[in-house]
C-alpha atoms as a PDB file:
ATOM      1  CA  MET A   1     212.354 -58.045 -85.777  1.00  0.00           C
ATOM      2  CA  ALA A   2     211.478 -58.701 -89.432  1.00  0.00           C
ATOM      3  CA  LEU A   3     209.765 -55.331 -89.860  1.00  0.00           C
ATOM      4  CA  ILE A   4     212.804 -53.547 -88.464  1.00  0.00           C
ATOM      5  CA  ALA A   5     215.081 -55.477 -90.829  1.00  0.00           C
ATOM      6  CA  LEU A   6     212.895 -54.589 -93.812  1.00  0.00           C
ATOM      7  CA  LYS A   7     212.876 -50.915 -92.816  1.00  0.00           C
ATOM      8  CA  LEU A   8     216.672 -50.921 -92.364  1.00  0.00           C
ATOM      9  CA  LYS A   9     217.027 -52.496 -95.812  1.00  0.00           C
ATOM     10  CA  GLU A  10     214.938 -49.653 -97.225  1.00  0.00           C
ATOM     11  CA  VAL A  11     216.760 -46.899 -95.303  1.00  0.00           C
ATOM     12  CA  PHE A  12     220.193 -48.147 -96.369  1.00  0.00           C
ATOM     13  CA  GLY A  13     219.077 -48.693 -99.966  1.00  0.00           C
ATOM     14  CA  LEU A  14     219.943 -52.379 -99.991  1.00  0.00           C
ATOM     15  CA  ASN A  15     218.473 -54.853-102.450  1.00  0.00           C
ATOM     16  CA  ASP A  16     218.455 -57.807-100.058  1.00  0.00           C
ATOM     17  CA  VAL A  17     217.644 -58.059 -96.351  1.00  0.00           C
ATOM     18  CA  ASN A  18     220.502 -60.582 -96.092  1.00  0.00           C
ATOM     19  CA  ASP A  19     222.993 -57.765 -96.763  1.00  0.00           C
ATOM     20  CA  LEU A  20     222.279 -56.359 -93.289  1.00  0.00           C
ATOM     21  CA  PRO A  21     224.644 -57.345 -90.447  1.00  0.00           C
ATOM     22  CA  ILE A  22     221.820 -59.047 -88.517  1.00  0.00           C
ATOM     23  CA  VAL A  23     222.098 -62.494 -86.951  1.00  0.00           C
ATOM     24  CA  TYR A  24     218.905 -64.513 -86.475  1.00  0.00           C
ATOM     25  CA  ASN A  25     219.338 -67.009 -83.659  1.00  0.00           C
ATOM     26  CA  ILE A  26     215.996 -68.715 -82.892  1.00  0.00           C
ATOM     27  CA  SER A  27     215.428 -71.134 -80.006  1.00  0.00           C
ATOM     28  CA  TRP A  28     212.740 -73.811 -80.081  1.00  0.00           C
ATOM     29  CA  TYR A  29     211.465 -73.429 -76.531  1.00  0.00           C
ATOM     30  CA  GLU A  30     208.057 -72.170 -77.699  1.00  0.00           C
ATOM     31  CA  GLN A  31     205.793 -73.241 -80.558  1.00  0.00           C
ATOM     32  CA  LYS A  32     205.512 -69.694 -81.857  1.00  0.00           C
ATOM     33  CA  ALA A  33     209.114 -70.046 -83.027  1.00  0.00           C
ATOM     34  CA  VAL A  34     207.733 -72.048 -85.977  1.00  0.00           C
ATOM     35  CA  ILE A  35     205.708 -69.020 -87.108  1.00  0.00           C
ATOM     36  CA  VAL A  36     208.738 -66.754 -86.695  1.00  0.00           C
ATOM     37  CA  LEU A  37     210.841 -69.135 -88.801  1.00  0.00           C
ATOM     38  CA  LEU A  38     208.182 -69.391 -91.521  1.00  0.00           C
ATOM     39  CA  ALA A  39     207.818 -65.602 -91.649  1.00  0.00           C
ATOM     40  CA  LEU A  40     211.583 -65.123 -91.979  1.00  0.00           C
ATOM     41  CA  LEU A  41     211.780 -67.753 -94.720  1.00  0.00           C
ATOM     42  CA  TYR A  42     208.879 -66.085 -96.556  1.00  0.00           C
ATOM     43  CA  LEU A  43     210.774 -62.786 -96.430  1.00  0.00           C
ATOM     44  CA  GLY A  44     213.828 -64.489 -97.928  1.00  0.00           C
ATOM     45  CA  VAL A  45     216.002 -64.292 -94.817  1.00  0.00           C
ATOM     46  CA  LYS A  46     218.902 -66.741 -94.984  1.00  0.00           C
ATOM     47  CA  ASN A  47     221.514 -68.132 -92.591  1.00  0.00           C
ATOM     48  CA  ILE A  48     219.118 -68.471 -89.659  1.00  0.00           C
ATOM     49  CA  HIS A  49     220.480 -70.405 -86.693  1.00  0.00           C
ATOM     50  CA  LEU A  50     218.078 -72.713 -84.832  1.00  0.00           C
ATOM     51  CA  GLY A  51     218.572 -74.414 -81.529  1.00  0.00           C
ATOM     52  CA  PRO A  52     219.395 -75.866 -79.255  1.00  0.00           C
ATOM     53  CA  THR A  53     218.849 -78.560 -81.919  1.00  0.00           C
ATOM     54  CA  LEU A  54     217.000 -78.626 -85.214  1.00  0.00           C
ATOM     55  CA  PRO A  55     213.270 -79.214 -84.676  1.00  0.00           C
ATOM     56  CA  ALA A  56     212.347 -82.901 -84.389  1.00  0.00           C
ATOM     57  CA  PHE A  57     209.361 -82.465 -86.714  1.00  0.00           C
ATOM     58  CA  LEU A  58     211.646 -81.770 -89.687  1.00  0.00           C
ATOM     59  CA  SER A  59     212.145 -84.840 -91.832  1.00  0.00           C
ATOM     60  CA  PRO A  60     215.673 -85.358 -93.144  1.00  0.00           C
ATOM     61  CA  ASN A  61     214.541 -84.304 -96.643  1.00  0.00           C
ATOM     62  CA  VAL A  62     212.890 -81.076 -95.434  1.00  0.00           C
ATOM     63  CA  ALA A  63     215.907 -80.285 -93.245  1.00  0.00           C
ATOM     64  CA  LYS A  64     218.187 -80.778 -96.275  1.00  0.00           C
ATOM     65  CA  VAL A  65     216.108 -78.371 -98.393  1.00  0.00           C
ATOM     66  CA  LEU A  66     216.178 -75.740 -95.622  1.00  0.00           C
ATOM     67  CA  VAL A  67     219.929 -76.121 -95.154  1.00  0.00           C
ATOM     68  CA  ASP A  68     220.693 -76.086 -98.888  1.00  0.00           C
ATOM     69  CA  SER A  69     218.255 -73.328 -99.887  1.00  0.00           C
ATOM     70  CA  PHE A  70     218.271 -71.057 -96.849  1.00  0.00           C
ATOM     71  CA  GLY A  71     221.511 -71.816 -95.014  1.00  0.00           C
ATOM     72  CA  ILE A  72     219.696 -73.001 -91.885  1.00  0.00           C
ATOM     73  CA  ALA A  73     222.203 -74.109 -89.257  1.00  0.00           C
ATOM     74  CA  GLY A  74     222.177 -75.208 -85.658  1.00  0.00           C
ATOM     75  CA  ILE A  75     223.217 -73.252 -82.609  1.00  0.00           C
ATOM     76  CA  THR A  76     226.487 -74.330 -81.018  1.00  0.00           C
ATOM     77  CA  THR A  77     228.274 -73.068 -77.915  1.00  0.00           C
ATOM     78  CA  VAL A  78     228.325 -69.378 -77.056  1.00  0.00           C
ATOM     79  CA  ASP A  79     232.004 -69.076 -77.992  1.00  0.00           C
ATOM     80  CA  GLU A  80     231.519 -70.916 -81.297  1.00  0.00           C
ATOM     81  CA  ASP A  81     228.417 -68.859 -82.168  1.00  0.00           C
ATOM     82  CA  MET A  82     230.329 -65.641 -81.478  1.00  0.00           C
ATOM     83  CA  ARG A  83     233.124 -66.827 -83.788  1.00  0.00           C
ATOM     84  CA  ILE A  84     230.656 -67.827 -86.537  1.00  0.00           C
ATOM     85  CA  PHE A  85     228.898 -64.459 -86.297  1.00  0.00           C
ATOM     86  CA  GLY A  86     232.213 -62.597 -86.393  1.00  0.00           C
ATOM     87  CA  LEU A  87     231.864 -61.136 -82.910  1.00  0.00           C
END
């Protein structure tokens, strides 16, 4: 997913991967989701949606930094997510 986004950024001549119309909606049902999140954050991807709730291992201070710096948000209902994502 990240490699495709980086290639699309290159093909379209964009300066930032966040300019692509891609929505990252990550669920926490598997531990490998942590690695996916860390990789996306390393690449500078913002406005990632996590769910069904924010991970319990995040302290309030770390969660605040992620929300403020990267626009991390929770997943809501299907209808609300579709509205947020402009679909």
